[in-house]
């Protein structure tokens, strides 16, 4: 609970002086959104990294021949 209160205060500071509750809501829900999205986004990033490594290795083999 302390973490949610802390992130709400940080979100309010990040949103600026005129936002009020909007910044607090962003800060409050940011950890929840991050937990939900980190799995799929991490999977996509890992897949992209592997694909890049495979393509780079393929290009390297073709350039040597």
N, C-alpha and C. Protein backbone atom coordinates (compact mmCIF):
# COMPACT_ATOMS: atom_id res chain seq x y z
N UNK A 1 0.82 -1.18 0.00
CA UNK A 1 0.00 0.00 0.00
C UNK A 1 0.87 1.25 0.00
N UNK A 2 1.96 1.18 0.75
CA UNK A 2 2.86 2.34 0.80
C UNK A 2 3.42 2.65 -0.58
N UNK A 3 3.71 1.58 -1.35
CA UNK A 3 4.24 1.77 -2.69
C UNK A 3 3.25 2.48 -3.60
N UNK A 4 1.97 2.15 -3.48
CA UNK A 4 0.95 2.80 -4.32
C UNK A 4 0.79 4.27 -3.95
N UNK A 5 0.86 4.57 -2.68
CA UNK A 5 0.77 5.96 -2.24
C UNK A 5 1.99 6.74 -2.74
N UNK A 6 3.15 6.13 -2.64
CA UNK A 6 4.38 6.77 -3.10
C UNK A 6 4.35 7.02 -4.60
N UNK A 7 3.91 6.02 -5.38
CA UNK A 7 3.85 6.21 -6.83
C UNK A 7 2.78 7.22 -7.22
N UNK A 8 1.71 7.31 -6.44
CA UNK A 8 0.70 8.33 -6.70
C UNK A 8 1.28 9.73 -6.50
N UNK A 9 2.07 9.90 -5.47
CA UNK A 9 2.70 11.20 -5.23
C UNK A 9 3.70 11.53 -6.34
N UNK A 10 4.47 10.54 -6.77
CA UNK A 10 5.43 10.77 -7.85
C UNK A 10 4.71 11.09 -9.15
N UNK A 11 3.62 10.37 -9.45
CA UNK A 11 2.84 10.65 -10.65
C UNK A 11 2.26 12.05 -10.65
N UNK A 12 1.82 12.51 -9.49
CA UNK A 12 1.29 13.85 -9.38
C UNK A 12 2.37 14.89 -9.67
N UNK A 13 3.58 14.64 -9.19
CA UNK A 13 4.70 15.55 -9.45
C UNK A 13 5.07 15.54 -10.93
N UNK A 14 5.06 14.36 -11.55
CA UNK A 14 5.43 14.25 -12.95
C UNK A 14 4.39 14.89 -13.87
N UNK A 15 3.12 14.83 -13.50
CA UNK A 15 2.06 15.35 -14.35
C UNK A 15 2.03 16.87 -14.37
N UNK A 16 2.63 17.50 -13.40
CA UNK A 16 2.68 18.96 -13.40
C UNK A 16 1.77 19.56 -12.35
N UNK A 17 1.88 20.85 -12.16
CA UNK A 17 1.14 21.50 -11.07
C UNK A 17 -0.36 21.67 -11.34
N UNK A 18 -0.79 21.66 -12.59
CA UNK A 18 -2.19 21.93 -12.90
C UNK A 18 -3.04 20.67 -13.05
N UNK A 19 -2.47 19.49 -12.90
CA UNK A 19 -3.22 18.28 -13.21
C UNK A 19 -3.99 17.73 -12.02
N UNK A 20 -3.50 17.88 -10.81
CA UNK A 20 -4.20 17.41 -9.62
C UNK A 20 -4.38 15.91 -9.56
N UNK A 21 -5.62 15.46 -9.56
CA UNK A 21 -5.93 14.04 -9.38
C UNK A 21 -5.50 13.20 -10.58
N UNK A 22 -5.41 13.81 -11.75
CA UNK A 22 -5.00 13.05 -12.94
C UNK A 22 -3.59 12.49 -12.76
N UNK A 23 -2.68 13.28 -12.27
CA UNK A 23 -1.31 12.82 -12.03
C UNK A 23 -1.25 11.75 -10.96
N UNK A 24 -2.05 11.91 -9.93
CA UNK A 24 -2.09 10.91 -8.87
C UNK A 24 -2.62 9.58 -9.41
N UNK A 25 -3.63 9.65 -10.26
CA UNK A 25 -4.19 8.43 -10.85
C UNK A 25 -3.17 7.75 -11.75
N UNK A 26 -2.44 8.53 -12.52
CA UNK A 26 -1.40 7.96 -13.39
C UNK A 26 -0.34 7.26 -12.54
N UNK A 27 0.09 7.90 -11.49
CA UNK A 27 1.09 7.31 -10.61
C UNK A 27 0.57 6.09 -9.87
N UNK A 28 -0.70 6.10 -9.53
CA UNK A 28 -1.29 4.97 -8.81
C UNK A 28 -1.41 3.74 -9.70
N UNK A 29 -1.81 3.94 -10.96
CA UNK A 29 -2.03 2.82 -11.85
C UNK A 29 -0.80 2.43 -12.65
N UNK A 30 0.26 3.19 -12.62
CA UNK A 30 1.47 2.89 -13.39
C UNK A 30 2.07 1.52 -13.04
N UNK A 31 2.20 1.16 -11.77
CA UNK A 31 2.76 -0.17 -11.47
C UNK A 31 1.88 -1.31 -11.98
N UNK A 32 0.56 -1.14 -11.90
CA UNK A 32 -0.36 -2.16 -12.38
C UNK A 32 -0.21 -2.33 -13.89
N UNK A 33 -0.17 -1.22 -14.60
CA UNK A 33 -0.02 -1.26 -16.06
C UNK A 33 1.33 -1.86 -16.43
N UNK A 34 2.36 -1.50 -15.71
CA UNK A 34 3.70 -2.03 -16.00
C UNK A 34 3.75 -3.54 -15.81
N UNK A 35 3.13 -4.04 -14.75
CA UNK A 35 3.12 -5.48 -14.51
C UNK A 35 2.36 -6.22 -15.61
N UNK A 36 1.26 -5.66 -16.06
CA UNK A 36 0.45 -6.32 -17.10
C UNK A 36 1.14 -6.27 -18.46
N UNK A 37 1.82 -5.19 -18.77
CA UNK A 37 2.39 -5.00 -20.10
C UNK A 37 3.82 -5.51 -20.21
N UNK A 38 4.51 -5.66 -19.11
CA UNK A 38 5.92 -6.04 -19.17
C UNK A 38 6.11 -7.43 -19.76
N UNK A 39 5.21 -8.35 -19.48
CA UNK A 39 5.31 -9.70 -20.02
C UNK A 39 5.23 -9.73 -21.54
N UNK A 40 4.14 -9.23 -22.13
CA UNK A 40 4.03 -9.23 -23.60
C UNK A 40 5.08 -8.37 -24.29
N UNK A 41 5.37 -7.21 -23.72
CA UNK A 41 6.37 -6.33 -24.34
C UNK A 41 7.75 -6.98 -24.26
N UNK A 42 8.05 -7.60 -23.13
CA UNK A 42 9.33 -8.29 -22.99
C UNK A 42 9.47 -9.43 -23.98
N UNK A 43 8.37 -10.15 -24.20
CA UNK A 43 8.38 -11.25 -25.16
C UNK A 43 8.64 -10.74 -26.57
N UNK A 44 7.99 -9.64 -26.93
CA UNK A 44 8.20 -9.05 -28.26
C UNK A 44 9.63 -8.57 -28.42
N UNK A 45 10.16 -7.90 -27.41
CA UNK A 45 11.54 -7.42 -27.48
C UNK A 45 12.54 -8.56 -27.58
N UNK A 46 12.32 -9.62 -26.82
CA UNK A 46 13.22 -10.77 -26.89
C UNK A 46 13.15 -11.44 -28.25
N UNK A 47 11.95 -11.56 -28.81
CA UNK A 47 11.80 -12.13 -30.15
C UNK A 47 12.49 -11.30 -31.20
N UNK A 48 12.39 -9.97 -31.09
CA UNK A 48 13.07 -9.09 -32.02
C UNK A 48 14.58 -9.20 -31.92
N UNK A 49 15.07 -9.34 -30.71
CA UNK A 49 16.51 -9.49 -30.50
C UNK A 49 17.03 -10.77 -31.13
N UNK A 50 16.30 -11.86 -30.93
CA UNK A 50 16.70 -13.14 -31.51
C UNK A 50 16.64 -13.07 -33.03
N UNK A 51 15.58 -12.48 -33.57
CA UNK A 51 15.46 -12.35 -35.02
C UNK A 51 16.60 -11.53 -35.60
N UNK A 52 17.00 -10.46 -34.93
CA UNK A 52 18.11 -9.63 -35.41
C UNK A 52 19.41 -10.43 -35.41
N UNK A 53 19.64 -11.19 -34.36
CA UNK A 53 20.86 -11.99 -34.29
C UNK A 53 20.90 -13.04 -35.41
N UNK A 54 19.75 -13.67 -35.68
CA UNK A 54 19.69 -14.66 -36.74
C UNK A 54 19.94 -14.01 -38.10
N UNK A 55 19.31 -12.87 -38.35
CA UNK A 55 19.52 -12.18 -39.62
C UNK A 55 20.96 -11.70 -39.79
N UNK A 56 21.55 -11.19 -38.72
CA UNK A 56 22.94 -10.74 -38.79
C UNK A 56 23.88 -11.90 -39.09
N UNK A 57 23.63 -13.05 -38.46
CA UNK A 57 24.46 -14.22 -38.71
C UNK A 57 24.29 -14.70 -40.14
N UNK A 58 23.08 -14.64 -40.65
CA UNK A 58 22.81 -15.06 -42.02
C UNK A 58 23.52 -14.14 -43.02
N UNK A 59 23.44 -12.84 -42.76
CA UNK A 59 24.13 -11.87 -43.64
C UNK A 59 25.64 -12.09 -43.61
N UNK A 60 26.17 -12.38 -42.44
CA UNK A 60 27.60 -12.62 -42.28
C UNK A 60 28.05 -13.84 -43.09
N UNK A 61 27.27 -14.91 -43.02
CA UNK A 61 27.60 -16.11 -43.78
C UNK A 61 27.52 -15.85 -45.28
N UNK A 62 26.54 -15.07 -45.71
CA UNK A 62 26.41 -14.78 -47.14
C UNK A 62 27.53 -13.88 -47.64
N UNK A 63 27.99 -12.97 -46.81
CA UNK A 63 29.05 -12.06 -47.25
C UNK A 63 30.40 -12.78 -47.32
N UNK A 64 30.58 -13.83 -46.53
CA UNK A 64 31.85 -14.59 -46.57
C UNK A 64 31.95 -15.45 -47.82
N UNK A 65 30.82 -15.88 -48.36
CA UNK A 65 30.83 -16.78 -49.53
C UNK A 65 31.11 -16.07 -50.83
